[in-house]
Protein backbone atom coordinates (compact mmCIF):
# COMPACT_ATOMS: atom_id res chain seq x y z
CA MET A 1 59.10 24.46 101.98
CA SER A 2 58.43 27.99 100.67
CA GLN A 3 55.03 29.58 100.29
CA ASP A 4 55.58 29.87 96.51
CA PHE A 5 56.39 26.18 96.39
CA GLN A 6 53.16 25.35 98.16
CA ARG A 7 51.11 27.59 95.85
CA HIS A 8 51.90 25.48 92.79
CA GLN A 9 51.59 22.14 94.48
CA TRP A 10 48.47 21.35 92.42
CA THR A 11 50.60 20.75 89.33
CA ASP A 12 52.13 17.71 91.06
CA LEU A 13 48.78 15.93 90.80
CA PHE A 14 49.03 15.41 87.03
CA ILE A 15 52.69 14.37 87.17
CA ARG A 16 52.32 11.87 89.99
CA ARG A 17 49.05 10.54 88.52
CA PRO A 18 49.68 10.22 84.78
CA VAL A 19 46.34 8.49 84.22
CA LEU A 20 44.55 11.67 85.29
CA ALA A 21 46.58 13.76 82.85
CA ILE A 22 45.87 11.26 80.06
CA VAL A 23 42.14 11.24 80.85
CA VAL A 24 42.01 15.05 80.71
CA SER A 25 43.81 15.02 77.36
CA LEU A 26 41.58 12.26 75.98
CA LEU A 27 38.53 14.23 77.08
CA ILE A 28 39.81 17.27 75.17
CA LEU A 29 40.56 15.06 72.16
CA LEU A 30 37.17 13.31 72.09
CA LEU A 31 35.18 16.50 72.59
CA GLY A 32 37.17 18.17 69.82
CA LEU A 33 36.77 15.28 67.38
CA LYS A 34 33.03 15.13 68.05
CA ALA A 35 32.77 18.87 67.45
CA VAL A 36 34.63 18.61 64.13
CA GLY A 37 31.97 16.28 62.76
CA SER A 38 29.05 18.42 63.89
CA LEU A 39 30.29 21.94 63.16
CA PRO A 40 28.74 23.58 60.07
CA VAL A 41 31.12 24.42 57.25
CA ASN A 42 30.82 27.81 55.54
CA GLN A 43 32.99 30.09 53.49
CA TYR A 44 32.76 32.92 56.01
CA PRO A 45 31.25 33.32 59.50
CA GLN A 46 27.47 33.21 59.55
CA THR A 47 25.83 36.63 59.65
CA GLN A 48 22.11 37.32 59.79
CA ASN A 49 21.57 39.26 56.60
CA ALA A 50 17.81 39.80 56.44
CA VAL A 51 15.99 41.32 53.48
CA VAL A 52 12.32 42.34 53.52
CA THR A 53 10.63 42.58 50.11
CA ILE A 54 7.38 44.53 49.64
CA THR A 55 5.52 43.73 46.42
CA THR A 56 2.46 45.72 45.38
CA THR A 57 0.41 44.98 42.26
CA TYR A 58 -1.59 47.64 40.38
CA PHE A 59 -2.86 46.06 37.17
CA GLY A 60 -2.69 48.20 34.07
CA ALA A 61 -0.60 51.01 35.56
CA ASP A 62 2.46 52.23 33.67
CA PRO A 63 5.90 52.47 35.42
CA GLU A 64 5.55 56.23 36.02
CA THR A 65 2.20 55.77 37.76
CA ILE A 66 3.58 52.88 39.81
CA ALA A 67 6.60 54.95 40.89
CA GLY A 68 4.60 58.06 41.75
CA PHE A 69 1.51 56.62 43.42
CA ILE A 70 2.77 53.29 44.83
CA THR A 71 6.54 53.18 45.29
CA GLN A 72 7.21 56.69 46.61
CA PRO A 73 4.51 56.71 49.35
CA LEU A 74 5.53 53.25 50.51
CA GLU A 75 9.24 54.11 50.52
CA GLY A 76 8.61 57.19 52.63
CA ALA A 77 6.69 55.17 55.19
CA ILE A 78 9.04 52.17 55.22
CA ALA A 79 12.09 54.39 55.73
CA GLN A 80 10.72 55.37 59.16
CA ALA A 81 10.98 51.79 60.43
CA GLN A 82 13.96 50.95 62.62
CA GLY A 83 16.72 48.54 61.67
CA ILE A 84 16.83 49.35 57.94
CA ASP A 85 20.26 49.76 56.41
CA TYR A 86 19.14 50.91 52.95
CA LEU A 87 16.19 50.75 50.56
CA SER A 88 16.03 49.92 46.87
CA SER A 89 13.01 49.79 44.57
CA ILE A 90 11.93 48.79 41.09
CA SER A 91 8.81 50.11 39.37
CA ILE A 92 7.63 48.29 36.27
CA SER A 93 4.29 48.01 34.53
CA GLY A 94 1.76 46.88 37.11
CA ILE A 95 4.23 45.98 39.88
CA SER A 96 6.15 47.89 42.55
CA THR A 97 8.95 46.02 44.34
CA ILE A 98 10.70 47.60 47.33
CA THR A 99 13.62 45.84 48.98
CA ALA A 100 14.56 46.80 52.54
CA THR A 101 17.99 45.49 53.55
CA LEU A 102 18.25 45.32 57.32
CA ARG A 103 21.25 46.17 59.44
CA LEU A 104 23.59 43.31 60.22
CA ASN A 105 22.19 40.87 62.80
CA TYR A 106 19.04 42.97 63.34
CA ASP A 107 15.96 41.02 64.41
CA ALA A 108 14.07 40.29 61.18
CA ASN A 109 10.72 39.66 62.90
CA GLN A 110 10.85 42.98 64.73
CA ALA A 111 11.71 44.83 61.52
CA LEU A 112 8.92 43.03 59.65
CA THR A 113 6.39 44.12 62.26
CA GLN A 114 7.50 47.75 62.10
CA ILE A 115 7.49 47.82 58.29
CA ASN A 116 4.01 46.32 58.20
CA THR A 117 2.80 48.97 60.64
CA GLN A 118 4.26 51.77 58.53
CA ILE A 119 2.67 50.36 55.36
CA SER A 120 -0.73 50.20 57.07
CA SER A 121 -0.44 53.88 57.97
CA VAL A 122 -0.28 54.91 54.27
CA ARG A 123 -2.51 52.21 52.79
CA ASN A 124 -5.36 54.71 52.31
CA GLN A 125 -3.04 56.92 50.23
CA LEU A 126 -2.58 54.24 47.57
CA PRO A 127 -4.95 53.93 44.60
CA PRO A 128 -8.10 51.95 45.52
CA GLN A 129 -7.48 49.50 42.67
CA ALA A 130 -4.00 48.62 43.99
CA GLN A 131 -3.80 45.28 45.75
CA GLN A 132 -2.66 44.81 49.32
CA PRO A 133 1.16 44.98 49.58
CA ILE A 134 2.72 41.56 50.14
CA LEU A 135 5.66 41.32 52.56
CA THR A 136 8.23 38.54 52.42
CA VAL A 137 11.33 38.20 54.57
CA GLN A 138 14.47 36.29 53.72
CA VAL A 139 17.11 35.57 56.36
CA GLY A 140 20.59 34.40 55.46
CA GLN A 141 22.25 34.28 52.08
CA THR A 142 20.33 36.11 49.38
CA THR A 143 21.97 34.07 46.61
CA ALA A 144 21.57 30.35 46.18
CA ALA A 145 24.40 27.95 46.97
CA MET A 146 23.70 25.86 43.88
CA TYR A 147 21.85 26.28 40.59
CA MET A 148 20.38 23.54 38.38
CA GLY A 149 19.50 24.26 34.77
CA PHE A 150 16.64 22.50 32.92
CA TYR A 151 16.38 23.00 29.16
CA SER A 152 14.89 21.34 26.09
CA ASP A 153 14.63 21.81 22.34
CA ASP A 154 11.17 20.23 22.22
CA ILE A 155 9.38 21.08 25.47
CA ALA A 156 8.06 24.58 26.14
CA ASN A 157 9.09 26.45 29.26
CA ASN A 158 5.51 26.33 30.53
CA SER A 159 5.59 22.54 30.56
CA ILE A 160 9.10 22.49 32.07
CA THR A 161 7.99 24.80 34.87
CA ASP A 162 4.88 22.74 35.52
CA TYR A 163 6.96 19.54 35.79
CA LEU A 164 9.49 21.17 38.11
CA LEU A 165 6.75 22.48 40.39
CA ARG A 166 5.00 19.11 40.60
CA VAL A 167 7.95 16.67 40.71
CA VAL A 168 11.42 18.18 41.15
CA LYS A 169 10.86 21.02 43.61
CA PRO A 170 9.14 18.84 46.28
CA LYS A 171 12.04 16.37 46.15
CA LEU A 172 14.64 19.09 46.59
CA ASP A 173 12.66 20.81 49.37
CA SER A 174 12.56 17.52 51.29
CA ILE A 175 16.36 17.21 51.43
CA ASN A 176 17.68 17.84 54.93
CA GLY A 177 19.26 21.29 55.17
CA VAL A 178 17.56 22.79 52.09
CA GLN A 179 15.72 25.95 53.08
CA ASN A 180 14.06 26.54 49.71
CA ALA A 181 14.31 25.33 46.13
CA GLU A 182 13.50 28.50 44.18
CA ILE A 183 12.46 28.35 40.54
CA LEU A 184 14.02 31.07 38.38
CA GLY A 185 12.86 31.94 34.88
CA GLY A 186 9.82 29.71 35.25
CA ARG A 187 6.61 30.36 33.38
CA LYS A 188 3.45 29.04 34.99
CA PHE A 189 0.50 28.15 32.79
CA ALA A 190 -2.10 30.88 32.51
CA LEU A 191 -4.89 31.75 30.13
CA ARG A 192 -4.05 34.85 28.10
CA ALA A 193 -6.77 36.93 26.45
CA TRP A 194 -5.11 39.43 24.09
CA LEU A 195 -7.74 42.11 23.53
CA ASP A 196 -8.26 43.63 20.09
CA ARG A 197 -9.27 47.27 20.58
CA ASP A 198 -10.60 47.67 17.05
CA ARG A 199 -13.01 44.75 17.35
CA MET A 200 -13.96 45.87 20.87
CA ALA A 201 -14.77 49.34 19.61
CA GLY A 202 -16.86 47.91 16.77
CA LEU A 203 -18.89 45.73 19.13
CA GLY A 204 -19.15 48.34 21.88
CA VAL A 205 -17.19 46.32 24.44
CA ALA A 206 -14.98 47.92 27.10
CA PRO A 207 -12.11 46.21 28.98
CA ASP A 208 -14.17 46.40 32.17
CA ASP A 209 -16.87 44.33 30.45
CA VAL A 210 -14.36 41.58 29.71
CA TYR A 211 -13.00 41.63 33.27
CA ALA A 212 -16.47 41.56 34.83
CA ALA A 213 -17.62 38.70 32.61
CA MET A 214 -14.56 36.58 33.37
CA ALA A 215 -14.83 37.24 37.11
CA ALA A 216 -18.54 36.41 37.18
CA ASN A 217 -18.42 33.28 35.03
CA ASN A 218 -15.11 31.77 36.13
CA TYR A 219 -15.97 31.51 39.82
CA LEU A 220 -15.10 28.62 42.11
CA ALA A 221 -18.09 28.20 44.43
CA PRO A 222 -17.85 26.02 47.56
CA VAL A 223 -21.37 24.68 48.06
CA GLY A 224 -20.77 22.41 51.06
CA SER A 225 -22.36 19.00 51.50
CA THR A 226 -25.70 17.31 52.13
CA LYS A 227 -26.23 14.84 54.93
CA GLY A 228 -28.70 12.09 55.46
CA GLN A 229 -29.23 9.76 58.36
CA MET A 230 -26.40 7.43 57.35
CA VAL A 231 -24.68 9.26 54.53
CA SER A 232 -22.88 12.52 53.78
CA VAL A 233 -22.37 13.68 50.19
CA ASP A 234 -20.02 16.50 49.18
CA LEU A 235 -21.58 18.86 46.66
CA VAL A 236 -19.60 20.21 43.73
CA ALA A 237 -20.75 23.08 41.54
CA ASN A 238 -19.02 23.32 38.18
CA THR A 239 -19.05 27.10 38.10
CA ASP A 240 -15.52 27.60 36.77
CA LEU A 241 -14.16 27.10 33.26
CA HIS A 242 -11.75 24.31 32.38
CA SER A 243 -10.79 24.58 28.70
CA LEU A 244 -9.80 27.10 26.08
CA ASP A 245 -13.02 26.50 24.15
CA GLU A 246 -15.10 27.32 27.22
CA PHE A 247 -13.20 30.58 27.67
CA ARG A 248 -13.49 31.43 23.99
CA LYS A 249 -17.27 30.99 24.13
CA LEU A 250 -17.57 33.05 27.30
CA ILE A 251 -20.39 35.58 26.90
CA ILE A 252 -19.09 39.10 27.33
CA LYS A 253 -22.14 41.18 26.43
CA ARG A 254 -25.71 40.84 25.24
CA ASN A 255 -27.38 43.37 22.94
CA GLY A 256 -30.88 42.00 22.67
CA ALA A 257 -30.56 38.92 20.52
CA ASP A 258 -26.92 39.70 19.72
CA ILE A 259 -24.32 37.94 21.89
CA VAL A 260 -20.66 38.95 22.03
CA TYR A 261 -18.26 36.12 22.86
CA LEU A 262 -14.73 36.51 24.18
CA ASP A 263 -13.10 35.14 21.03
CA GLN A 264 -14.82 37.89 19.04
CA VAL A 265 -12.88 40.62 20.86
CA ALA A 266 -9.70 38.79 21.94
CA THR A 267 -7.25 36.11 20.93
CA VAL A 268 -7.47 33.47 23.67
CA THR A 269 -4.40 31.26 24.13
CA LEU A 270 -2.73 29.19 26.84
CA GLY A 271 0.40 31.12 27.78
CA SER A 272 2.32 32.20 30.86
CA GLU A 273 1.46 34.35 33.86
CA ASP A 274 4.22 36.80 32.89
CA TYR A 275 7.10 37.19 30.48
CA ASN A 276 9.22 39.49 32.60
CA ASN A 277 11.96 36.99 33.52
CA ASN A 278 14.13 34.94 31.24
CA VAL A 279 17.02 32.56 32.00
CA ALA A 280 19.42 31.15 29.42
CA PHE A 281 22.05 28.40 29.63
CA ASN A 282 24.54 27.86 26.80
CA GLY A 283 22.40 30.06 24.58
CA LYS A 284 19.22 28.06 25.26
CA GLN A 285 16.19 29.31 27.10
CA SER A 286 16.08 27.42 30.40
CA VAL A 287 14.46 27.17 33.80
CA PHE A 288 16.75 27.24 36.82
CA ILE A 289 16.27 25.93 40.34
CA GLY A 290 18.32 27.70 43.01
CA ILE A 291 19.11 25.73 46.18
CA LYS A 292 19.14 27.92 49.28
CA VAL A 293 20.67 26.35 52.37
CA ALA A 294 19.25 26.78 55.88
CA PRO A 295 21.38 29.12 58.05
CA ASP A 296 22.22 26.42 60.63
CA ALA A 297 22.94 23.66 58.10
CA ASN A 298 26.33 22.41 56.94
CA LEU A 299 26.71 23.86 53.45
CA LEU A 300 29.05 21.13 52.20
CA ASP A 301 26.84 18.33 53.51
CA VAL A 302 23.71 19.84 51.97
CA ALA A 303 25.44 20.30 48.61
CA LYS A 304 26.56 16.66 48.72
CA ARG A 305 23.02 15.47 49.46
CA VAL A 306 21.69 17.51 46.54
CA ARG A 307 24.37 16.10 44.23
CA ASP A 308 23.53 12.57 45.38
CA ALA A 309 19.84 13.14 44.62
CA PHE A 310 20.49 14.77 41.24
CA PRO A 311 21.09 11.51 39.24
CA ASP A 312 17.68 10.18 40.33
CA ILE A 313 16.09 13.45 39.23
CA GLN A 314 17.79 13.15 35.84
CA LYS A 315 16.57 9.57 35.35
CA GLN A 316 12.94 10.59 35.88
CA LEU A 317 13.00 13.54 33.49
CA PRO A 318 10.62 13.37 30.51
CA THR A 319 12.13 12.52 27.14
CA GLY A 320 13.77 15.58 25.63
CA LEU A 321 14.26 17.43 28.94
CA ASN A 322 17.88 17.85 30.02
CA ALA A 323 19.30 18.95 33.37
CA LYS A 324 22.71 20.01 34.62
CA ILE A 325 24.21 21.56 37.74
CA VAL A 326 25.43 24.84 36.29
CA TYR A 327 26.83 26.42 39.47
CA ASP A 328 28.01 25.08 42.82
CA SER A 329 29.49 27.51 45.33
CA THR A 330 30.92 24.65 47.39
CA ASP A 331 33.56 24.02 44.71
CA PHE A 332 35.28 27.28 45.62
CA ILE A 333 34.68 26.75 49.34
CA ASN A 334 36.20 23.26 49.19
CA THR A 335 39.24 24.55 47.34
CA SER A 336 39.71 27.45 49.77
CA ILE A 337 39.36 25.26 52.85
CA GLN A 338 41.71 22.64 51.41
CA GLU A 339 44.34 25.31 50.84
CA VAL A 340 43.99 26.55 54.42
CA VAL A 341 44.16 22.98 55.77
CA GLN A 342 47.26 22.38 53.65
CA THR A 343 48.79 25.54 55.11
CA LEU A 344 47.91 24.26 58.58
CA LEU A 345 49.69 20.95 57.96
CA GLU A 346 52.70 22.69 56.45
CA ALA A 347 52.93 24.95 59.49
CA LEU A 348 52.80 21.93 61.81
CA ILE A 349 55.62 20.24 59.91
CA ILE A 350 57.79 23.36 59.81
CA VAL A 351 57.27 24.01 63.52
CA THR A 352 58.17 20.39 64.29
CA VAL A 353 61.42 20.63 62.32
CA VAL A 354 62.37 23.92 63.99
CA ILE A 355 61.66 22.47 67.43
CA TYR A 356 63.87 19.47 66.70
CA LEU A 357 66.72 21.67 65.51
CA PHE A 358 66.63 23.66 68.73
CA LEU A 359 65.90 20.88 71.23
CA GLY A 360 67.95 18.18 69.55
CA SER A 361 65.97 15.27 71.03
CA TYR A 362 63.16 13.20 69.61
CA ARG A 363 61.76 12.72 73.10
CA ALA A 364 61.77 16.44 73.75
CA VAL A 365 60.14 17.08 70.37
CA ALA A 366 57.34 14.60 71.16
CA VAL A 367 55.95 16.84 73.91
CA PRO A 368 55.20 20.01 71.86
CA VAL A 369 54.39 17.97 68.75
CA LEU A 370 51.65 16.17 70.66
CA ALA A 371 50.49 19.35 72.40
CA MET A 372 49.97 21.22 69.11
CA PRO A 373 47.32 19.01 67.45
CA LEU A 374 45.67 18.29 70.81
CA SER A 375 45.25 22.01 71.49
CA LEU A 376 43.97 22.68 67.97
CA ILE A 377 41.48 19.79 68.09
CA GLY A 378 40.27 20.91 71.50
CA THR A 379 39.64 24.35 70.04
CA PHE A 380 36.89 22.90 67.84
CA PHE A 381 34.95 22.06 71.00
CA MET A 382 35.26 25.69 72.09
CA MET A 383 33.95 26.72 68.67
CA GLN A 384 30.97 24.39 69.03
CA VAL A 385 30.13 25.77 72.48
CA LEU A 386 30.21 29.31 71.07
CA GLY A 387 28.04 28.33 68.08
CA TYR A 388 30.71 28.99 65.46
CA SER A 389 31.39 27.26 62.14
CA ILE A 390 34.42 25.94 60.31
CA ASN A 391 35.22 28.70 57.84
CA LEU A 392 38.18 30.50 56.33
CA LEU A 393 38.59 32.90 59.25
CA THR A 394 38.40 30.28 62.00
CA LEU A 395 40.87 28.10 60.11
CA LEU A 396 43.12 31.14 59.69
CA ALA A 397 42.92 31.61 63.46
CA LEU A 398 44.06 28.01 63.94
CA VAL A 399 47.01 28.58 61.59
CA LEU A 400 48.09 31.62 63.59
CA ALA A 401 47.46 29.75 66.84
CA ILE A 402 50.13 27.14 66.04
CA GLY A 403 52.89 29.48 67.12
CA LEU A 404 50.97 30.36 70.29
CA VAL A 405 49.93 26.89 71.44
CA VAL A 406 53.41 25.46 71.01
CA ASP A 407 55.05 28.14 73.17
CA ASP A 408 53.69 26.82 76.46
CA ALA A 409 54.87 23.28 75.79
CA ILE A 410 58.33 24.45 74.70
CA ILE A 411 58.71 26.53 77.86
CA VAL A 412 57.91 23.48 79.99
CA VAL A 413 60.34 21.29 78.03
CA GLU A 414 63.15 23.84 78.24
CA ASN A 415 62.68 24.31 81.98
CA VAL A 416 62.65 20.56 82.62
CA ASP A 417 65.78 20.18 80.50
CA ARG A 418 67.50 22.95 82.49
CA HIS A 419 66.81 21.24 85.80
CA MET A 420 67.96 17.89 84.42
CA LYS A 421 71.27 19.44 83.37
CA GLU A 422 71.65 20.51 87.01
CA GLY A 423 71.60 16.84 88.00
CA LYS A 424 67.95 16.27 88.90
CA SER A 425 65.99 13.21 87.82
CA PRO A 426 63.29 13.57 85.12
CA LEU A 427 60.49 13.24 87.70
CA GLU A 428 62.02 15.75 90.08
CA ALA A 429 62.87 18.14 87.26
CA SER A 430 59.30 17.95 85.92
CA LEU A 431 57.80 18.62 89.35
CA ILE A 432 60.00 21.65 89.97
CA ALA A 433 59.57 23.00 86.42
CA ALA A 434 55.77 22.73 86.58
CA ARG A 435 55.71 24.47 89.97
CA GLU A 436 57.86 27.29 88.66
CA LEU A 437 55.83 27.76 85.47
CA GLY A 438 52.32 27.45 86.87
CA ASN A 439 51.76 31.15 87.38
CA PRO A 440 53.78 32.35 84.34
CA ILE A 441 51.82 30.09 81.97
CA LEU A 442 48.52 31.20 83.48
CA ALA A 443 49.62 34.82 83.17
CA MET A 444 50.70 34.33 79.53
CA THR A 445 47.41 32.64 78.71
CA ILE A 446 45.32 35.38 80.31
CA VAL A 447 47.36 38.14 78.65
CA LEU A 448 47.05 36.58 75.19
CA ILE A 449 43.32 36.07 75.64
CA ALA A 450 42.98 39.68 76.79
CA VAL A 451 44.83 40.81 73.65
CA TYR A 452 42.65 38.91 71.15
CA ILE A 453 39.23 39.11 72.80
CA PRO A 454 38.68 42.85 72.05
CA ILE A 455 38.87 42.10 68.31
CA GLY A 456 35.60 40.22 68.67
CA PHE A 457 33.77 43.22 70.11
CA GLN A 458 34.13 45.44 67.05
CA GLY A 459 30.94 46.63 65.43
CA GLY A 460 29.66 46.42 61.89
CA LEU A 461 30.65 43.92 59.25
CA THR A 462 34.27 43.77 60.44
CA GLY A 463 33.19 42.79 63.93
CA ALA A 464 30.74 40.20 62.61
CA LEU A 465 33.44 38.57 60.50
CA PHE A 466 36.29 38.69 62.99
CA THR A 467 34.37 37.74 66.14
CA GLU A 468 34.82 34.06 65.37
CA PHE A 469 38.46 34.68 64.43
CA ALA A 470 39.23 36.39 67.75
CA PHE A 471 37.41 33.96 70.03
CA THR A 472 38.79 30.93 68.17
CA LEU A 473 42.31 32.26 68.67
CA ALA A 474 41.60 32.94 72.34
CA GLY A 475 40.09 29.47 72.75
CA ALA A 476 43.18 27.83 71.25
CA VAL A 477 45.39 29.71 73.70
CA ALA A 478 43.19 28.66 76.64
CA VAL A 479 43.26 24.97 75.64
CA SER A 480 47.04 25.08 75.11
CA GLY A 481 47.46 26.47 78.64
CA VAL A 482 45.51 23.52 80.06
CA VAL A 483 47.56 21.03 78.03
CA ALA A 484 50.85 22.69 79.04
CA LEU A 485 50.05 22.38 82.76
CA THR A 486 48.61 18.85 82.66
CA LEU A 487 49.98 16.72 79.84
CA SER A 488 53.35 18.32 79.04
CA PRO A 489 54.95 17.99 82.52
CA MET A 490 53.71 14.41 82.80
CA MET A 491 55.22 13.49 79.42
CA CYS A 492 58.52 15.11 80.37
CA SER A 493 58.69 13.06 83.57
CA ARG A 494 58.09 9.83 81.61
CA LEU A 495 59.93 10.42 78.33
CA PHE A 496 63.05 12.34 79.30
CA SER A 497 66.24 10.49 80.13
CA GLN A 498 69.62 11.69 81.35
CA GLU A 499 71.39 8.98 79.34
CA GLU A 500 70.11 10.14 75.96
CA GLU A 501 72.92 11.12 73.62
CA MET A 502 72.61 13.66 70.84
CA SER A 503 73.52 12.75 67.27
CA SER A 504 76.47 14.34 65.50
CA PHE A 505 74.09 16.37 63.33
CA VAL A 506 72.37 17.81 66.39
CA GLN A 507 75.73 18.54 67.99
CA LYS A 508 76.76 20.53 64.90
CA ILE A 509 73.51 22.48 65.05
CA ASP A 510 74.09 23.13 68.75
CA ARG A 511 77.55 24.49 68.02
CA VAL A 512 76.08 26.87 65.44
CA PHE A 513 73.41 28.05 67.89
CA GLU A 514 76.03 28.39 70.60
CA GLY A 515 78.06 30.65 68.32
CA VAL A 516 74.97 32.73 67.60
CA ARG A 517 74.27 32.95 71.33
CA HIS A 518 77.80 34.18 72.09
CA SER A 519 77.59 36.74 69.29
CA TYR A 520 74.29 37.99 70.65
CA GLN A 521 75.69 38.23 74.16
CA ASN A 522 78.70 40.24 72.98
CA THR A 523 76.49 42.56 70.91
CA LEU A 524 74.11 43.05 73.80
CA ARG A 525 77.00 43.80 76.17
CA ASP A 526 78.35 46.45 73.78
CA LEU A 527 74.94 48.04 73.35
CA LEU A 528 74.31 48.18 77.08
CA SER A 529 77.60 49.96 77.58
CA THR A 530 76.31 52.78 75.34
CA TRP A 531 72.76 52.91 76.65
CA GLN A 532 72.44 56.61 75.85
CA VAL A 533 72.59 55.79 72.12
CA ILE A 534 69.89 53.14 72.54
CA ILE A 535 67.56 55.62 74.25
CA VAL A 536 68.09 58.18 71.48
CA MET A 537 67.39 55.54 68.81
CA GLY A 538 64.24 54.46 70.66
CA ILE A 539 62.98 58.05 70.83
CA LEU A 540 63.68 58.54 67.11
CA LEU A 541 61.82 55.34 66.25
CA LEU A 542 58.86 56.42 68.37
CA ILE A 543 58.77 59.81 66.65
CA GLY A 544 58.95 58.07 63.27
CA VAL A 545 56.02 55.81 64.14
CA VAL A 546 53.91 58.78 65.25
CA TYR A 547 54.84 60.68 62.07
CA LEU A 548 53.97 57.76 59.79
CA TYR A 549 50.64 57.27 61.58
CA ALA A 550 49.79 60.97 61.24
CA THR A 551 50.71 61.12 57.54
CA ALA A 552 48.87 57.87 56.79
CA ARG A 553 45.61 59.41 58.02
């Protein structure tokens, strides 16, 4: 027995012990099926897109003052922090908002620390009346996956917002996988005192007098508790104001016996904190709730849970308040994934038909047809181990992998068939074929993996998107190599038969292929006899490729 024969002896184990080969395949199948149910589903591969927002309030300042004395100093300091891709800012009356978009997959906590340090270094350069800058960080998608619209002809937006904050938002936040239910276009209740400068001038009242009076008289004072030997009583001091009438009768200034009340210098109403944002739906002023999904959650499952909870939310709405899901990104994702899955099934069917036309035997077709879905399902386990998701690019990788995973099984089938035509039994032919193809299949698998793996090491957005594509493709090739060396030879030894006869249709197809083979052989023989011409043509093609590449740049 030759040394090469001995080297591949390990392949005999799966042929002589079919239960072992079946167990290995079932293990691949079960791990893959379990992974399919637990993998998150997204439109594209998950990338850590972090955005840090710096909001600074300077009451009473116009946009030019905000831009010159708040936004510009902060932007100059923030730009020195590491990990920032680009900055954008908005300066409006009283508010400066700076948005720092971080580089792809940069550590958001590290960037937040550096930005906070840079802001602290210029804090003394800001106006003393400006409030402390507030930093918020958002990791993941910056847009919501779903929007709900709440609108009414009878209920004011203040009341709608108050109801959503108290009832609807807590329910949505409690749904598994929801990162945040963000209210858009909401208007929180707030007391508004619209000052009348003419009346203020007549009564000798300045805006600072109004502010000081409201701050001094609308003060929430914690006074603690009093304790006895057997009792403890919490003390409450009613130092704050609770109604519009109390605010209207707030004393602003005393001039001897003359008292100036707030309603003498201002129109006091119950309004909103701000009127800067407005949301409309079908021409009606509305309040939206945007559902943001956690980065590690299954987008489709979360959207389904929200949709299931939405009817209960609608039933509990006050009379006159209407609600509707106005946008759902999963509709497009579902359609896209269904199209890719349909393409995957179509490719499987087409490959099966082509294999049958070439092999001409249902038994021979059964081997690669079983190897294809098994290899693809096993790839999902590889995706789970690597922390990937089911998305358009990983599904595209599986579509492309069909032609790769079926090659190994076809090679085994063809080699077994060749040995059987030489008079060997199916078992003997399978043993010899597996021994001969052990190293070639391993080499093919390693080469293909080596070709696709470098795609996953590209930088930037392209690398982030195609990393999952490349490693999914490489994983499919690796699983197909295992299946080809364990299950395929075993199936050939059990399914193949020397007595099987081909149908007349298959015989006609074989005659056509035989004619094509003879034509190819004759053409190849003629070309090899004039090898000088082939070399010249190859050189010309190479020059043409180099020229096209140079001109394309």
